[in-house]
Amino acid sequence: MEYFAGLPLYVESDKYFFVHAGVNPTRKIEDQTEQDFLWIRHDFLNASDLSGATSKIVVFGHNPTVAFTGKGEIFISRDRIGIDTGAGHNKRLSAFDTRSQCCYCADVK
């Protein structure tokens, strides 16, 4: 558990912001809370714009894409990439390669 407790809440690259659950669209990154990064759902998913928080593309999990798109596929929009395709619910395990823009998925059985 010490290992996990020592991990950062998010990781940034030039273009992407990697986080567990998402960001609060009304707060700048430096004003976000641990609760925002780990547990946010509706405010993040329903936001029409994330520019109040970050100009980067937010890559997130925690929220199975089937719950907000009706499909168990990687979700890609101009400012978000959702990669939780339901592995925890016996659906699919997915990964997104930011360099090649390729999606990789495997059924969980």
C-alpha atoms as a PDB file:
ATOM      1  CA  MET A   1       0.000   0.000   0.000  1.00  0.00           C
ATOM      2  CA  GLU A   2       2.924   2.367   0.579  1.00  0.00           C
ATOM      3  CA  TYR A   3       3.751   2.123  -3.113  1.00  0.00           C
ATOM      4  CA  PHE A   4       0.271   3.248  -4.153  1.00  0.00           C
ATOM      5  CA  ALA A   5       0.153   5.968  -1.499  1.00  0.00           C
ATOM      6  CA  GLY A   6       3.369   7.406  -2.953  1.00  0.00           C
ATOM      7  CA  LEU A   7       2.076   7.697  -6.515  1.00  0.00           C
ATOM      8  CA  PRO A   8       1.141  11.115  -7.919  1.00  0.00           C
ATOM      9  CA  LEU A   9      -2.540  11.969  -8.363  1.00  0.00           C
ATOM     10  CA  TYR A  10      -1.907  12.804 -12.010  1.00  0.00           C
ATOM     11  CA  VAL A  11       0.791  12.795 -14.682  1.00  0.00           C
ATOM     12  CA  GLU A  12       1.158  15.394 -17.432  1.00  0.00           C
ATOM     13  CA  SER A  13       2.825  15.408 -20.816  1.00  0.00           C
ATOM     14  CA  ASP A  14       2.948  18.244 -23.330  1.00  0.00           C
ATOM     15  CA  LYS A  15      -0.439  17.277 -24.761  1.00  0.00           C
ATOM     16  CA  TYR A  16      -2.115  14.987 -22.209  1.00  0.00           C
ATOM     17  CA  PHE A  17      -3.263  15.066 -18.587  1.00  0.00           C
ATOM     18  CA  PHE A  18      -3.506  11.512 -17.172  1.00  0.00           C
ATOM     19  CA  VAL A  19      -5.733  11.110 -14.113  1.00  0.00           C
ATOM     20  CA  HIS A  20      -7.810   8.400 -12.457  1.00  0.00           C
ATOM     21  CA  ALA A  21     -11.337   9.871 -12.630  1.00  0.00           C
ATOM     22  CA  GLY A  22     -11.170  13.292 -14.282  1.00  0.00           C
ATOM     23  CA  VAL A  23     -10.970  16.953 -13.342  1.00  0.00           C
ATOM     24  CA  ASN A  24     -13.390  19.485 -11.952  1.00  0.00           C
ATOM     25  CA  PRO A  25     -14.103  21.672 -15.009  1.00  0.00           C
ATOM     26  CA  THR A  26     -14.612  24.787 -12.873  1.00  0.00           C
ATOM     27  CA  ARG A  27     -11.234  24.707 -11.073  1.00  0.00           C
ATOM     28  CA  LYS A  28      -7.701  25.238 -12.340  1.00  0.00           C
ATOM     29  CA  ILE A  29      -5.472  22.175 -11.887  1.00  0.00           C
ATOM     30  CA  GLU A  30      -3.641  23.702  -8.930  1.00  0.00           C
ATOM     31  CA  ASP A  31      -7.005  24.194  -7.158  1.00  0.00           C
ATOM     32  CA  GLN A  32      -8.295  20.645  -7.724  1.00  0.00           C
ATOM     33  CA  THR A  33      -8.768  18.352  -4.749  1.00  0.00           C
ATOM     34  CA  GLU A  34      -7.797  14.719  -4.314  1.00  0.00           C
ATOM     35  CA  GLN A  35     -11.538  14.005  -4.358  1.00  0.00           C
ATOM     36  CA  ASP A  36     -11.790  15.614  -7.823  1.00  0.00           C
ATOM     37  CA  PHE A  37      -8.948  13.565  -9.293  1.00  0.00           C
ATOM     38  CA  LEU A  38     -10.070  10.244  -7.799  1.00  0.00           C
ATOM     39  CA  TRP A  39     -13.869  10.340  -7.670  1.00  0.00           C
ATOM     40  CA  ILE A  40     -15.414  13.008  -9.930  1.00  0.00           C
ATOM     41  CA  ARG A  41     -18.060  11.744 -12.322  1.00  0.00           C
ATOM     42  CA  HIS A  42     -21.048  13.790 -13.483  1.00  0.00           C
ATOM     43  CA  ASP A  43     -19.572  17.303 -13.367  1.00  0.00           C
ATOM     44  CA  PHE A  44     -16.597  16.114 -15.427  1.00  0.00           C
ATOM     45  CA  LEU A  45     -18.508  13.895 -17.846  1.00  0.00           C
ATOM     46  CA  ASN A  46     -21.282  16.434 -18.461  1.00  0.00           C
ATOM     47  CA  ALA A  47     -19.035  19.483 -18.895  1.00  0.00           C
ATOM     48  CA  SER A  48     -19.115  20.954 -22.381  1.00  0.00           C
ATOM     49  CA  ASP A  49     -15.663  22.467 -21.930  1.00  0.00           C
ATOM     50  CA  LEU A  50     -12.636  21.709 -19.738  1.00  0.00           C
ATOM     51  CA  SER A  51     -10.628  24.848 -20.539  1.00  0.00           C
ATOM     52  CA  GLY A  52     -11.311  26.235 -17.057  1.00  0.00           C
ATOM     53  CA  ALA A  53      -9.223  23.360 -15.703  1.00  0.00           C
ATOM     54  CA  THR A  54      -6.686  22.523 -18.412  1.00  0.00           C
ATOM     55  CA  SER A  55      -5.940  23.006 -22.099  1.00  0.00           C
ATOM     56  CA  LYS A  56      -4.653  19.431 -22.345  1.00  0.00           C
ATOM     57  CA  ILE A  57      -6.562  16.320 -23.361  1.00  0.00           C
ATOM     58  CA  VAL A  58      -7.661  14.522 -20.188  1.00  0.00           C
ATOM     59  CA  VAL A  59      -7.091  10.748 -20.278  1.00  0.00           C
ATOM     60  CA  PHE A  60      -9.178   9.114 -17.565  1.00  0.00           C
ATOM     61  CA  GLY A  61     -10.660   5.889 -16.255  1.00  0.00           C
ATOM     62  CA  HIS A  62     -12.931   5.219 -13.247  1.00  0.00           C
ATOM     63  CA  ASN A  63     -16.059   5.934 -15.295  1.00  0.00           C
ATOM     64  CA  PRO A  64     -16.938   2.955 -17.540  1.00  0.00           C
ATOM     65  CA  THR A  65     -17.636   4.356 -20.994  1.00  0.00           C
ATOM     66  CA  VAL A  66     -20.754   2.222 -21.392  1.00  0.00           C
ATOM     67  CA  ALA A  67     -22.344   4.282 -18.584  1.00  0.00           C
ATOM     68  CA  PHE A  68     -22.119   7.563 -20.502  1.00  0.00           C
ATOM     69  CA  THR A  69     -21.934   6.516 -24.168  1.00  0.00           C
ATOM     70  CA  GLY A  70     -23.926   3.282 -24.228  1.00  0.00           C
ATOM     71  CA  LYS A  71     -20.883   1.552 -25.745  1.00  0.00           C
ATOM     72  CA  GLY A  72     -18.073  -0.327 -24.051  1.00  0.00           C
ATOM     73  CA  GLU A  73     -15.429   1.269 -26.261  1.00  0.00           C
ATOM     74  CA  ILE A  74     -12.683   3.809 -25.675  1.00  0.00           C
ATOM     75  CA  PHE A  75     -14.297   7.248 -25.761  1.00  0.00           C
ATOM     76  CA  ILE A  76     -12.443   9.970 -27.684  1.00  0.00           C
ATOM     77  CA  SER A  77     -13.468  13.620 -27.942  1.00  0.00           C
ATOM     78  CA  ARG A  78     -11.551  16.859 -28.512  1.00  0.00           C
ATOM     79  CA  ASP A  79     -10.657  17.249 -24.820  1.00  0.00           C
ATOM     80  CA  ARG A  80     -11.181  13.789 -23.243  1.00  0.00           C
ATOM     81  CA  ILE A  81     -10.213  10.161 -23.732  1.00  0.00           C
ATOM     82  CA  GLY A  82     -12.044   7.638 -21.556  1.00  0.00           C
ATOM     83  CA  ILE A  83     -10.249   4.309 -21.290  1.00  0.00           C
ATOM     84  CA  ASP A  84     -12.378   2.426 -18.722  1.00  0.00           C
ATOM     85  CA  THR A  85     -14.251  -0.036 -20.911  1.00  0.00           C
ATOM     86  CA  GLY A  86     -15.619  -2.130 -18.085  1.00  0.00           C
ATOM     87  CA  ALA A  87     -12.931  -4.665 -17.175  1.00  0.00           C
ATOM     88  CA  GLY A  88     -14.102  -4.464 -13.562  1.00  0.00           C
ATOM     89  CA  HIS A  89     -17.559  -5.528 -14.757  1.00  0.00           C
ATOM     90  CA  ASN A  90     -16.374  -8.456 -16.921  1.00  0.00           C
ATOM     91  CA  LYS A  91     -16.433  -6.415 -20.128  1.00  0.00           C
ATOM     92  CA  ARG A  92     -13.211  -5.240 -21.832  1.00  0.00           C
ATOM     93  CA  LEU A  93      -9.726  -4.186 -20.769  1.00  0.00           C
ATOM     94  CA  SER A  94      -8.466  -1.344 -22.953  1.00  0.00           C
ATOM     95  CA  ALA A  95      -5.410   0.794 -23.578  1.00  0.00           C
ATOM     96  CA  PHE A  96      -4.834   3.865 -25.725  1.00  0.00           C
ATOM     97  CA  ASP A  97      -1.427   4.611 -27.263  1.00  0.00           C
ATOM     98  CA  THR A  98      -1.071   8.389 -27.314  1.00  0.00           C
ATOM     99  CA  ARG A  99       1.795   8.256 -29.836  1.00  0.00           C
ATOM    100  CA  SER A 100       0.051   6.187 -32.508  1.00  0.00           C
ATOM    101  CA  GLN A 101      -3.533   7.065 -31.482  1.00  0.00           C
ATOM    102  CA  CYS A 102      -4.296   3.320 -31.547  1.00  0.00           C
ATOM    103  CA  CYS A 103      -6.783   1.590 -29.261  1.00  0.00           C
ATOM    104  CA  TYR A 104      -6.144  -1.899 -27.901  1.00  0.00           C
ATOM    105  CA  CYS A 105      -8.881  -3.982 -26.287  1.00  0.00           C
ATOM    106  CA  ALA A 106      -9.272  -7.502 -24.926  1.00  0.00           C
ATOM    107  CA  ASP A 107     -12.380  -9.196 -23.604  1.00  0.00           C
ATOM    108  CA  VAL A 108     -12.303 -10.125 -19.925  1.00  0.00           C
ATOM    109  CA  LYS A 109     -13.411 -13.680 -19.252  1.00  0.00           C
END
